[in-house]
C-alpha atoms as a PDB file:
ATOM      1  CA  MET A   1     159.423 116.259 148.322  1.00  0.00           C
ATOM      2  CA  ASN A   2     158.761 112.592 149.235  1.00  0.00           C
ATOM      3  CA  PRO A   3     158.392 110.073 145.900  1.00  0.00           C
ATOM      4  CA  PRO A   4     154.695 109.053 145.526  1.00  0.00           C
ATOM      5  CA  VAL A   5     153.445 105.881 147.325  1.00  0.00           C
ATOM      6  CA  ARG A   6     152.696 103.039 144.759  1.00  0.00           C
ATOM      7  CA  VAL A   7     148.891 101.845 145.916  1.00  0.00           C
ATOM      8  CA  HIS A   8     146.435  99.350 144.690  1.00  0.00           C
ATOM      9  CA  TYR A   9     142.601  99.576 144.786  1.00  0.00           C
ATOM     10  CA  GLU A  10     140.335  96.261 144.939  1.00  0.00           C
ATOM     11  CA  LEU A  11     137.425  97.412 142.664  1.00  0.00           C
ATOM     12  CA  PRO A  12     134.572  95.239 142.033  1.00  0.00           C
ATOM     13  CA  ALA A  13     135.714  94.507 138.279  1.00  0.00           C
ATOM     14  CA  LEU A  14     139.678  94.508 138.708  1.00  0.00           C
ATOM     15  CA  ARG A  15     142.662  95.517 140.822  1.00  0.00           C
ATOM     16  CA  LEU A  16     143.460  99.248 139.898  1.00  0.00           C
ATOM     17  CA  GLY A  17     146.976 100.425 140.365  1.00  0.00           C
ATOM     18  CA  ALA A  18     148.005 104.337 141.356  1.00  0.00           C
ATOM     19  CA  LEU A  19     150.670 106.483 142.674  1.00  0.00           C
ATOM     20  CA  ASP A  20     149.378 108.332 145.831  1.00  0.00           C
ATOM     21  CA  TYR A  21     151.022 111.522 146.537  1.00  0.00           C
ATOM     22  CA  GLY A  22     149.707 112.140 150.114  1.00  0.00           C
ATOM     23  CA  ALA A  23     147.486 114.588 151.614  1.00  0.00           C
ATOM     24  CA  PRO A  24     149.521 118.013 152.269  1.00  0.00           C
ATOM     25  CA  PHE A  25     147.297 118.583 155.018  1.00  0.00           C
ATOM     26  CA  ALA A  26     144.363 117.378 156.931  1.00  0.00           C
ATOM     27  CA  GLY A  27     141.248 117.596 154.849  1.00  0.00           C
ATOM     28  CA  ALA A  28     143.034 118.165 151.599  1.00  0.00           C
ATOM     29  CA  PRO A  29     140.859 118.137 148.715  1.00  0.00           C
ATOM     30  CA  ASP A  30     140.832 115.374 146.401  1.00  0.00           C
ATOM     31  CA  LEU A  31     142.456 115.313 142.769  1.00  0.00           C
ATOM     32  CA  LEU A  32     142.622 112.337 140.267  1.00  0.00           C
ATOM     33  CA  LEU A  33     144.920 112.449 137.444  1.00  0.00           C
ATOM     34  CA  LEU A  34     144.177 110.105 134.465  1.00  0.00           C
ATOM     35  CA  HIS A  35     146.895 109.741 131.740  1.00  0.00           C
ATOM     36  CA  GLY A  36     146.352 108.764 128.030  1.00  0.00           C
ATOM     37  CA  MET A  37     146.534 105.794 125.910  1.00  0.00           C
ATOM     38  CA  ALA A  38     149.616 103.334 126.025  1.00  0.00           C
ATOM     39  CA  ASP A  39     150.853 105.599 129.036  1.00  0.00           C
ATOM     40  CA  LEU A  40     150.819 105.133 132.758  1.00  0.00           C
ATOM     41  CA  ALA A  41     150.324 106.925 136.479  1.00  0.00           C
ATOM     42  CA  TRP A  42     153.878 107.904 136.392  1.00  0.00           C
ATOM     43  CA  SER A  43     153.360 110.061 132.808  1.00  0.00           C
ATOM     44  CA  MET A  44     151.333 112.568 134.602  1.00  0.00           C
ATOM     45  CA  HIS A  45     154.014 112.911 137.542  1.00  0.00           C
ATOM     46  CA  PRO A  46     155.494 116.410 136.411  1.00  0.00           C
ATOM     47  CA  VAL A  47     151.767 117.785 136.915  1.00  0.00           C
ATOM     48  CA  ALA A  48     151.363 115.836 140.054  1.00  0.00           C
ATOM     49  CA  GLU A  49     154.327 117.138 141.622  1.00  0.00           C
ATOM     50  CA  ARG A  50     153.381 120.974 140.872  1.00  0.00           C
ATOM     51  CA  LEU A  51     149.781 120.250 142.681  1.00  0.00           C
ATOM     52  CA  ARG A  52     150.771 118.066 145.473  1.00  0.00           C
ATOM     53  CA  ASP A  53     150.953 121.132 147.835  1.00  0.00           C
ATOM     54  CA  ARG A  54     147.444 121.972 147.846  1.00  0.00           C
ATOM     55  CA  TRP A  55     145.540 118.713 146.729  1.00  0.00           C
ATOM     56  CA  HIS A  56     145.809 115.166 147.729  1.00  0.00           C
ATOM     57  CA  VAL A  57     146.832 113.979 144.375  1.00  0.00           C
ATOM     58  CA  ARG A  58     146.424 110.293 143.074  1.00  0.00           C
ATOM     59  CA  SER A  59     147.506 109.549 139.518  1.00  0.00           C
ATOM     60  CA  LEU A  60     145.807 106.244 138.437  1.00  0.00           C
ATOM     61  CA  ASP A  61     147.042 103.360 136.086  1.00  0.00           C
ATOM     62  CA  LEU A  62     143.889 102.984 133.717  1.00  0.00           C
ATOM     63  CA  ARG A  63     142.603  99.404 133.410  1.00  0.00           C
ATOM     64  CA  GLY A  64     145.288  97.503 131.093  1.00  0.00           C
ATOM     65  CA  HIS A  65     148.104 100.025 131.794  1.00  0.00           C
ATOM     66  CA  GLY A  66     151.015 100.254 134.302  1.00  0.00           C
ATOM     67  CA  GLU A  67     150.374  98.172 137.474  1.00  0.00           C
ATOM     68  CA  SER A  68     146.510  97.599 136.657  1.00  0.00           C
ATOM     69  CA  ASP A  69     144.830  94.528 135.807  1.00  0.00           C
ATOM     70  CA  HIS A  70     144.379  93.579 132.081  1.00  0.00           C
ATOM     71  CA  PRO A  71     140.944  92.591 131.938  1.00  0.00           C
ATOM     72  CA  GLY A  72     140.633  92.646 128.175  1.00  0.00           C
ATOM     73  CA  ALA A  73     137.627  94.650 128.140  1.00  0.00           C
ATOM     74  CA  TYR A  74     138.481  98.611 126.839  1.00  0.00           C
ATOM     75  CA  GLY A  75     135.183 100.367 125.980  1.00  0.00           C
ATOM     76  CA  LEU A  76     135.267 103.893 127.169  1.00  0.00           C
ATOM     77  CA  LEU A  77     132.333 103.275 129.484  1.00  0.00           C
ATOM     78  CA  HIS A  78     134.608 100.208 131.108  1.00  0.00           C
ATOM     79  CA  PHE A  79     137.145 103.092 132.054  1.00  0.00           C
ATOM     80  CA  VAL A  80     134.278 105.426 133.404  1.00  0.00           C
ATOM     81  CA  ALA A  81     132.939 102.433 135.453  1.00  0.00           C
ATOM     82  CA  ASP A  82     136.334 101.977 137.033  1.00  0.00           C
ATOM     83  CA  LEU A  83     136.331 105.563 138.191  1.00  0.00           C
ATOM     84  CA  VAL A  84     133.047 105.655 139.527  1.00  0.00           C
ATOM     85  CA  ALA A  85     133.809 102.421 141.556  1.00  0.00           C
ATOM     86  CA  LEU A  86     137.061 104.187 142.842  1.00  0.00           C
ATOM     87  CA  VAL A  87     135.369 107.292 143.935  1.00  0.00           C
ATOM     88  CA  GLU A  88     132.867 105.106 145.982  1.00  0.00           C
ATOM     89  CA  LEU A  89     135.566 102.909 147.306  1.00  0.00           C
ATOM     90  CA  LEU A  90     137.421 105.964 148.676  1.00  0.00           C
ATOM     91  CA  ASP A  91     134.525 108.009 149.611  1.00  0.00           C
ATOM     92  CA  LEU A  92     135.678 110.658 147.610  1.00  0.00           C
ATOM     93  CA  ALA A  93     132.112 112.532 147.159  1.00  0.00           C
ATOM     94  CA  ALA A  94     130.853 111.945 150.964  1.00  0.00           C
ATOM     95  CA  ASP A  95     130.094 115.127 153.113  1.00  0.00           C
ATOM     96  CA  GLY A  96     130.029 117.466 150.275  1.00  0.00           C
ATOM     97  CA  ARG A  97     133.493 116.445 149.040  1.00  0.00           C
ATOM     98  CA  ARG A  98     133.966 115.937 145.384  1.00  0.00           C
ATOM     99  CA  PRO A  99     137.204 115.193 143.383  1.00  0.00           C
ATOM    100  CA  VAL A 100     138.685 117.543 140.798  1.00  0.00           C
ATOM    101  CA  VAL A 101     139.359 114.974 137.690  1.00  0.00           C
ATOM    102  CA  VAL A 102     142.383 116.017 135.278  1.00  0.00           C
ATOM    103  CA  GLY A 103     142.588 113.825 132.202  1.00  0.00           C
ATOM    104  CA  HIS A 104     145.235 113.711 129.256  1.00  0.00           C
ATOM    105  CA  SER A 105     143.921 112.411 125.774  1.00  0.00           C
ATOM    106  CA  LEU A 106     141.974 109.181 126.585  1.00  0.00           C
ATOM    107  CA  GLY A 107     142.176 110.510 130.338  1.00  0.00           C
ATOM    108  CA  GLY A 108     140.322 113.576 129.296  1.00  0.00           C
ATOM    109  CA  GLN A 109     137.798 111.300 127.240  1.00  0.00           C
ATOM    110  CA  ILE A 110     137.195 109.372 130.529  1.00  0.00           C
ATOM    111  CA  ALA A 111     137.382 112.099 132.879  1.00  0.00           C
ATOM    112  CA  SER A 112     134.268 114.297 130.795  1.00  0.00           C
ATOM    113  CA  GLN A 113     132.376 111.273 130.423  1.00  0.00           C
ATOM    114  CA  PHE A 114     132.187 110.686 134.071  1.00  0.00           C
ATOM    115  CA  ALA A 115     131.345 114.321 134.775  1.00  0.00           C
ATOM    116  CA  GLY A 116     128.774 114.131 132.130  1.00  0.00           C
ATOM    117  CA  LEU A 117     126.932 110.928 133.347  1.00  0.00           C
ATOM    118  CA  TYR A 118     127.784 111.684 137.295  1.00  0.00           C
ATOM    119  CA  PRO A 119     128.077 115.468 137.623  1.00  0.00           C
ATOM    120  CA  GLU A 120     127.079 115.258 141.471  1.00  0.00           C
ATOM    121  CA  LEU A 121     130.570 113.600 141.551  1.00  0.00           C
ATOM    122  CA  VAL A 122     133.157 116.219 140.269  1.00  0.00           C
ATOM    123  CA  ARG A 123     134.056 119.514 141.821  1.00  0.00           C
ATOM    124  CA  ALA A 124     135.811 120.591 138.569  1.00  0.00           C
ATOM    125  CA  LEU A 125     137.215 119.233 135.468  1.00  0.00           C
ATOM    126  CA  VAL A 126     140.383 119.491 133.308  1.00  0.00           C
ATOM    127  CA  VAL A 127     140.711 118.097 129.797  1.00  0.00           C
ATOM    128  CA  ALA A 128     144.197 118.383 128.297  1.00  0.00           C
ATOM    129  CA  GLU A 129     143.764 117.586 124.678  1.00  0.00           C
ATOM    130  CA  GLY A 130     141.098 115.258 125.116  1.00  0.00           C
ATOM    131  CA  ILE A 131     138.317 116.829 123.178  1.00  0.00           C
ATOM    132  CA  GLY A 132     139.013 114.240 120.394  1.00  0.00           C
ATOM    133  CA  PRO A 133     140.925 113.594 117.316  1.00  0.00           C
ATOM    134  CA  PRO A 134     140.826 115.638 114.293  1.00  0.00           C
ATOM    135  CA  VAL A 135     137.917 115.513 111.946  1.00  0.00           C
ATOM    136  CA  ARG A 136     137.400 113.315 108.834  1.00  0.00           C
ATOM    137  CA  LEU A 137     136.187 114.909 105.615  1.00  0.00           C
ATOM    138  CA  ARG A 138     133.977 111.971 104.700  1.00  0.00           C
ATOM    139  CA  GLU A 139     132.338 111.895 108.162  1.00  0.00           C
ATOM    140  CA  ALA A 140     128.846 113.545 106.757  1.00  0.00           C
ATOM    141  CA  ASN A 141     128.656 110.811 104.370  1.00  0.00           C
ATOM    142  CA  PRO A 142     126.710 107.328 105.353  1.00  0.00           C
ATOM    143  CA  GLU A 143     128.564 104.969 103.187  1.00  0.00           C
ATOM    144  CA  GLU A 144     131.757 106.491 104.214  1.00  0.00           C
ATOM    145  CA  ARG A 145     130.695 106.032 107.894  1.00  0.00           C
ATOM    146  CA  ARG A 146     130.299 102.622 107.439  1.00  0.00           C
ATOM    147  CA  THR A 147     133.379 101.954 105.499  1.00  0.00           C
ATOM    148  CA  THR A 148     135.274 103.447 108.927  1.00  0.00           C
ATOM    149  CA  ALA A 149     132.956 101.086 111.200  1.00  0.00           C
ATOM    150  CA  ARG A 150     134.392  98.205 108.936  1.00  0.00           C
ATOM    151  CA  GLY A 151     137.828  99.462 109.305  1.00  0.00           C
ATOM    152  CA  ARG A 152     137.271  99.459 113.292  1.00  0.00           C
ATOM    153  CA  VAL A 153     135.725  95.834 113.027  1.00  0.00           C
ATOM    154  CA  ASP A 154     139.003  94.769 111.216  1.00  0.00           C
ATOM    155  CA  VAL A 155     141.110  96.200 113.988  1.00  0.00           C
ATOM    156  CA  LEU A 156     139.093  94.297 116.817  1.00  0.00           C
ATOM    157  CA  ARG A 157     139.311  91.022 115.019  1.00  0.00           C
ATOM    158  CA  SER A 158     142.981  91.350 114.476  1.00  0.00           C
ATOM    159  CA  ALA A 159     145.825  90.251 116.728  1.00  0.00           C
ATOM    160  CA  ALA A 160     147.610  92.623 119.074  1.00  0.00           C
ATOM    161  CA  ALA A 161     151.022  92.259 120.184  1.00  0.00           C
ATOM    162  CA  HIS A 162     154.076  94.510 121.283  1.00  0.00           C
ATOM    163  CA  ARG A 163     157.166  94.475 119.670  1.00  0.00           C
ATOM    164  CA  LEU A 164     160.089  93.173 121.852  1.00  0.00           C
ATOM    165  CA  LEU A 165     162.703  95.816 123.196  1.00  0.00           C
ATOM    166  CA  PRO A 166     166.149  94.589 124.304  1.00  0.00           C
ATOM    167  CA  ASP A 167     166.620  96.999 126.951  1.00  0.00           C
ATOM    168  CA  VAL A 168     165.379  99.712 129.179  1.00  0.00           C
ATOM    169  CA  ALA A 169     167.654 102.251 127.035  1.00  0.00           C
ATOM    170  CA  ALA A 170     166.344 101.297 123.591  1.00  0.00           C
ATOM    171  CA  ALA A 171     162.622 101.686 125.284  1.00  0.00           C
ATOM    172  CA  ALA A 172     163.676 105.078 126.370  1.00  0.00           C
ATOM    173  CA  ALA A 173     164.891 105.986 122.983  1.00  0.00           C
ATOM    174  CA  ARG A 174     161.730 104.662 121.284  1.00  0.00           C
ATOM    175  CA  LEU A 175     159.658 107.216 123.430  1.00  0.00           C
ATOM    176  CA  ARG A 176     162.009 110.105 122.665  1.00  0.00           C
ATOM    177  CA  ALA A 177     162.011 109.391 118.939  1.00  0.00           C
ATOM    178  CA  THR A 178     157.941 109.429 119.022  1.00  0.00           C
ATOM    179  CA  HIS A 179     157.706 112.022 121.244  1.00  0.00           C
ATOM    180  CA  VAL A 180     159.756 114.888 120.051  1.00  0.00           C
ATOM    181  CA  GLY A 181     159.057 117.051 123.367  1.00  0.00           C
ATOM    182  CA  LEU A 182     160.155 114.607 125.873  1.00  0.00           C
ATOM    183  CA  ASP A 183     163.255 115.126 127.815  1.00  0.00           C
ATOM    184  CA  ALA A 184     165.849 112.437 128.611  1.00  0.00           C
ATOM    185  CA  ALA A 185     165.596 112.008 132.195  1.00  0.00           C
ATOM    186  CA  THR A 186     161.881 111.554 131.788  1.00  0.00           C
ATOM    187  CA  ALA A 187     161.887 109.241 129.086  1.00  0.00           C
ATOM    188  CA  ASP A 188     164.084 106.996 131.170  1.00  0.00           C
ATOM    189  CA  LEU A 189     161.706 107.231 133.951  1.00  0.00           C
ATOM    190  CA  LEU A 190     158.940 106.366 131.771  1.00  0.00           C
ATOM    191  CA  ALA A 191     160.934 103.571 130.161  1.00  0.00           C
ATOM    192  CA  ASP A 192     161.815 102.096 133.511  1.00  0.00           C
ATOM    193  CA  HIS A 193     158.321 101.994 135.158  1.00  0.00           C
ATOM    194  CA  GLY A 194     156.537 101.466 131.869  1.00  0.00           C
ATOM    195  CA  THR A 195     158.250  98.120 130.750  1.00  0.00           C
ATOM    196  CA  ARG A 196     158.108  94.535 132.100  1.00  0.00           C
ATOM    197  CA  ALA A 197     159.963  91.328 131.382  1.00  0.00           C
ATOM    198  CA  ALA A 198     159.355  89.168 128.396  1.00  0.00           C
ATOM    199  CA  ASP A 199     160.907  86.093 126.962  1.00  0.00           C
ATOM    200  CA  HIS A 200     164.935  85.682 126.552  1.00  0.00           C
ATOM    201  CA  GLY A 201     165.842  88.802 128.409  1.00  0.00           C
ATOM    202  CA  THR A 202     163.701  91.204 126.491  1.00  0.00           C
ATOM    203  CA  LEU A 203     161.042  93.648 127.756  1.00  0.00           C
ATOM    204  CA  VAL A 204     157.705  94.856 126.698  1.00  0.00           C
ATOM    205  CA  TRP A 205     155.447  97.704 127.384  1.00  0.00           C
ATOM    206  CA  LYS A 206     153.568  97.237 130.605  1.00  0.00           C
ATOM    207  CA  PHE A 207     150.217  98.361 128.858  1.00  0.00           C
ATOM    208  CA  ASP A 208     147.796  95.826 127.137  1.00  0.00           C
ATOM    209  CA  PRO A 209     148.069  96.404 123.354  1.00  0.00           C
ATOM    210  CA  ARG A 210     143.997  95.850 123.081  1.00  0.00           C
ATOM    211  CA  THR A 211     143.384  99.124 125.181  1.00  0.00           C
ATOM    212  CA  ARG A 212     143.475 100.397 121.605  1.00  0.00           C
ATOM    213  CA  ASP A 213     140.098  99.057 120.894  1.00  0.00           C
ATOM    214  CA  TRP A 214     138.460 101.850 123.241  1.00  0.00           C
ATOM    215  CA  LEU A 215     138.615 103.694 119.644  1.00  0.00           C
ATOM    216  CA  ALA A 216     136.008 101.212 118.168  1.00  0.00           C
ATOM    217  CA  THR A 217     133.510 102.500 120.892  1.00  0.00           C
ATOM    218  CA  PHE A 218     134.009 106.253 119.985  1.00  0.00           C
ATOM    219  CA  ASP A 219     130.802 107.925 119.279  1.00  0.00           C
ATOM    220  CA  ARG A 220     131.356 111.813 119.032  1.00  0.00           C
ATOM    221  CA  GLU A 221     127.725 112.656 119.156  1.00  0.00           C
ATOM    222  CA  ALA A 222     127.235 110.954 122.183  1.00  0.00           C
ATOM    223  CA  ILE A 223     130.395 112.079 123.760  1.00  0.00           C
ATOM    224  CA  GLU A 224     129.611 115.803 122.776  1.00  0.00           C
ATOM    225  CA  GLU A 225     126.298 115.321 124.054  1.00  0.00           C
ATOM    226  CA  ARG A 226     127.385 114.398 127.487  1.00  0.00           C
ATOM    227  CA  TRP A 227     129.845 117.243 127.497  1.00  0.00           C
ATOM    228  CA  GLY A 228     126.724 119.468 127.667  1.00  0.00           C
ATOM    229  CA  LEU A 229     125.487 117.914 130.957  1.00  0.00           C
ATOM    230  CA  ILE A 230     128.624 118.624 132.864  1.00  0.00           C
ATOM    231  CA  ARG A 231     127.734 121.348 135.731  1.00  0.00           C
ATOM    232  CA  CYS A 232     130.888 121.762 137.334  1.00  0.00           C
ATOM    233  CA  PRO A 233     133.781 124.367 136.140  1.00  0.00           C
ATOM    234  CA  VAL A 234     135.902 123.034 133.104  1.00  0.00           C
ATOM    235  CA  LEU A 235     139.324 124.019 131.842  1.00  0.00           C
ATOM    236  CA  VAL A 236     140.068 122.699 128.285  1.00  0.00           C
ATOM    237  CA  VAL A 237     144.006 122.621 127.546  1.00  0.00           C
ATOM    238  CA  THR A 238     145.133 122.334 123.764  1.00  0.00           C
ATOM    239  CA  GLY A 239     148.687 122.146 122.317  1.00  0.00           C
ATOM    240  CA  ALA A 240     148.740 124.959 119.513  1.00  0.00           C
ATOM    241  CA  ALA A 241     150.991 122.231 117.572  1.00  0.00           C
ATOM    242  CA  ALA A 242     148.986 119.282 118.128  1.00  0.00           C
ATOM    243  CA  TRP A 243     148.380 118.448 114.384  1.00  0.00           C
ATOM    244  CA  GLU A 244     152.129 119.082 113.316  1.00  0.00           C
ATOM    245  CA  ARG A 245     153.832 117.513 116.247  1.00  0.00           C
ATOM    246  CA  TRP A 246     151.220 114.442 116.473  1.00  0.00           C
ATOM    247  CA  TRP A 247     148.390 113.779 114.580  1.00  0.00           C
ATOM    248  CA  SER A 248     149.873 114.248 110.917  1.00  0.00           C
ATOM    249  CA  ALA A 249     153.311 113.032 111.871  1.00  0.00           C
ATOM    250  CA  GLN A 250     152.702 110.402 114.318  1.00  0.00           C
ATOM    251  CA  SER A 251     149.102 108.494 113.420  1.00  0.00           C
ATOM    252  CA  ARG A 252     149.182 106.449 110.769  1.00  0.00           C
ATOM    253  CA  SER A 253     145.429 106.550 110.740  1.00  0.00           C
ATOM    254  CA  ALA A 254     145.633 110.353 110.373  1.00  0.00           C
ATOM    255  CA  GLN A 255     147.031 109.680 107.100  1.00  0.00           C
ATOM    256  CA  SER A 256     145.210 106.645 105.782  1.00  0.00           C
ATOM    257  CA  GLU A 257     141.943 107.498 106.829  1.00  0.00           C
ATOM    258  CA  GLY A 258     141.515 111.039 105.829  1.00  0.00           C
ATOM    259  CA  TRP A 259     141.656 113.076 108.827  1.00  0.00           C
ATOM    260  CA  VAL A 260     142.138 117.125 108.358  1.00  0.00           C
ATOM    261  CA  ASP A 261     143.604 119.598 111.051  1.00  0.00           C
ATOM    262  CA  VAL A 262     141.201 120.379 113.713  1.00  0.00           C
ATOM    263  CA  ASP A 263     141.027 124.214 112.907  1.00  0.00           C
ATOM    264  CA  THR A 264     140.313 126.904 115.414  1.00  0.00           C
ATOM    265  CA  GLY A 265     136.515 127.259 114.342  1.00  0.00           C
ATOM    266  CA  GLU A 266     136.197 123.173 115.226  1.00  0.00           C
ATOM    267  CA  VAL A 267     138.164 123.640 118.605  1.00  0.00           C
ATOM    268  CA  ARG A 268     135.820 126.608 119.650  1.00  0.00           C
ATOM    269  CA  ARG A 269     132.405 124.645 118.670  1.00  0.00           C
ATOM    270  CA  ARG A 270     133.837 121.417 120.603  1.00  0.00           C
ATOM    271  CA  VAL A 271     134.842 123.709 123.446  1.00  0.00           C
ATOM    272  CA  GLY A 272     131.723 125.588 123.258  1.00  0.00           C
ATOM    273  CA  CYS A 273     129.675 121.831 124.075  1.00  0.00           C
ATOM    274  CA  PHE A 274     130.653 122.823 127.599  1.00  0.00           C
ATOM    275  CA  ALA A 275     128.385 124.857 129.815  1.00  0.00           C
ATOM    276  CA  ASP A 276     130.991 126.439 132.047  1.00  0.00           C
ATOM    277  CA  VAL A 277     134.400 126.598 130.242  1.00  0.00           C
ATOM    278  CA  ARG A 278     137.756 128.253 130.058  1.00  0.00           C
ATOM    279  CA  HIS A 279     139.948 127.197 127.383  1.00  0.00           C
ATOM    280  CA  VAL A 280     143.909 127.526 127.179  1.00  0.00           C
ATOM    281  CA  ASP A 281     145.984 126.921 123.937  1.00  0.00           C
ATOM    282  CA  ILE A 282     149.673 126.310 124.934  1.00  0.00           C
ATOM    283  CA  PRO A 283     152.026 127.621 122.165  1.00  0.00           C
ATOM    284  CA  GLY A 284     154.185 125.368 120.592  1.00  0.00           C
ATOM    285  CA  ALA A 285     153.113 122.105 122.371  1.00  0.00           C
ATOM    286  CA  GLY A 286     151.760 119.250 120.599  1.00  0.00           C
ATOM    287  CA  HIS A 287     149.220 116.726 121.632  1.00  0.00           C
ATOM    288  CA  MET A 288     151.501 115.199 124.538  1.00  0.00           C
ATOM    289  CA  LEU A 289     151.128 117.913 126.797  1.00  0.00           C
ATOM    290  CA  PRO A 290     152.411 116.291 129.751  1.00  0.00           C
ATOM    291  CA  TYR A 291     155.632 115.518 127.663  1.00  0.00           C
ATOM    292  CA  ASP A 292     155.918 118.764 125.656  1.00  0.00           C
ATOM    293  CA  ALA A 293     154.845 121.244 128.292  1.00  0.00           C
ATOM    294  CA  PRO A 294     154.310 119.829 131.729  1.00  0.00           C
ATOM    295  CA  VAL A 295     155.296 123.378 133.610  1.00  0.00           C
ATOM    296  CA  GLU A 296     152.825 125.212 131.219  1.00  0.00           C
ATOM    297  CA  LEU A 297     149.926 122.415 131.675  1.00  0.00           C
ATOM    298  CA  ALA A 298     150.622 122.402 135.683  1.00  0.00           C
ATOM    299  CA  ASP A 299     150.496 126.264 135.826  1.00  0.00           C
ATOM    300  CA  ALA A 300     147.114 126.436 133.868  1.00  0.00           C
ATOM    301  CA  VAL A 301     145.850 123.980 135.822  1.00  0.00           C
ATOM    302  CA  ASP A 302     146.864 125.402 138.902  1.00  0.00           C
ATOM    303  CA  ALA A 303     145.477 128.657 138.133  1.00  0.00           C
ATOM    304  CA  PHE A 304     142.252 127.806 137.008  1.00  0.00           C
ATOM    305  CA  LEU A 305     141.719 125.473 140.368  1.00  0.00           C
ATOM    306  CA  THR A 306     142.663 128.521 142.549  1.00  0.00           C
ATOM    307  CA  GLU A 307     139.958 130.808 140.951  1.00  0.00           C
ATOM    308  CA  ARG A 308     137.276 127.958 140.345  1.00  0.00           C
ATOM    309  CA  ALA A 309     137.758 124.993 143.014  1.00  0.00           C
ATOM    310  CA  HIS A 310     139.368 126.220 146.100  1.00  0.00           C
ATOM    311  CA  GLY A 311     140.138 123.440 148.558  1.00  0.00           C
END
């Protein structure tokens, strides 16, 4: 297949980058892919490749990531606003057309908030490891919630900067050390597309380190309330080993802030917030589904869309 075409969209608030996989036939329905925090459009490439024969797939660089602008404003609704603007710019909801939106992690949070706030603009929704982080034992205590909020304020007022990388090979090695399910070829691809030149021959990641600030706007109650307003079919995909392979092993905040495993009962509760939902749990896969299980993720999405969102 031909490689995707690099495109840029001039939105009112910023310039948004994307990979356009082209329409496989005239009038092909639209599908938008949204990556996770610190990733880029290429992170969703394995999924895009398996869906492009029936859908006009566009994989977006979220604001502050990849080839998109770094506006410095990274609240969850900033990302939603970009998605609304893109749908309007491309006229994706005209004449009964509505796009399918597939999001991983942060992308899943954005996609589900978009679908809840603008249900008339979405044909179907896929949320891949995007129903939120593990719970905190202390969340029910107002004093502890204040402590958590103060910690978020500390993050917002602190400096954010990338560590320098000597070369692309070192960047790929760091990706593989962090993401144990990532194969070498994909790591090389992501390192090549995901870094830019810095000082004295070094490299840095393309994403703005301040994109972490979106976590300060995370409001579980409001998020779950909007899930209940979604009217399109929803597929929720989770990784059965997400806790072991990501949250507990990789996230310092999971340890320092007292997070605990999202047990099956909590997953069922969150999934149950959606009115029309199917849940697929991929055995052995961690939080990074596009890295750990791209084929299984794409197959789950394809089966769901074939049944529930025909083009």
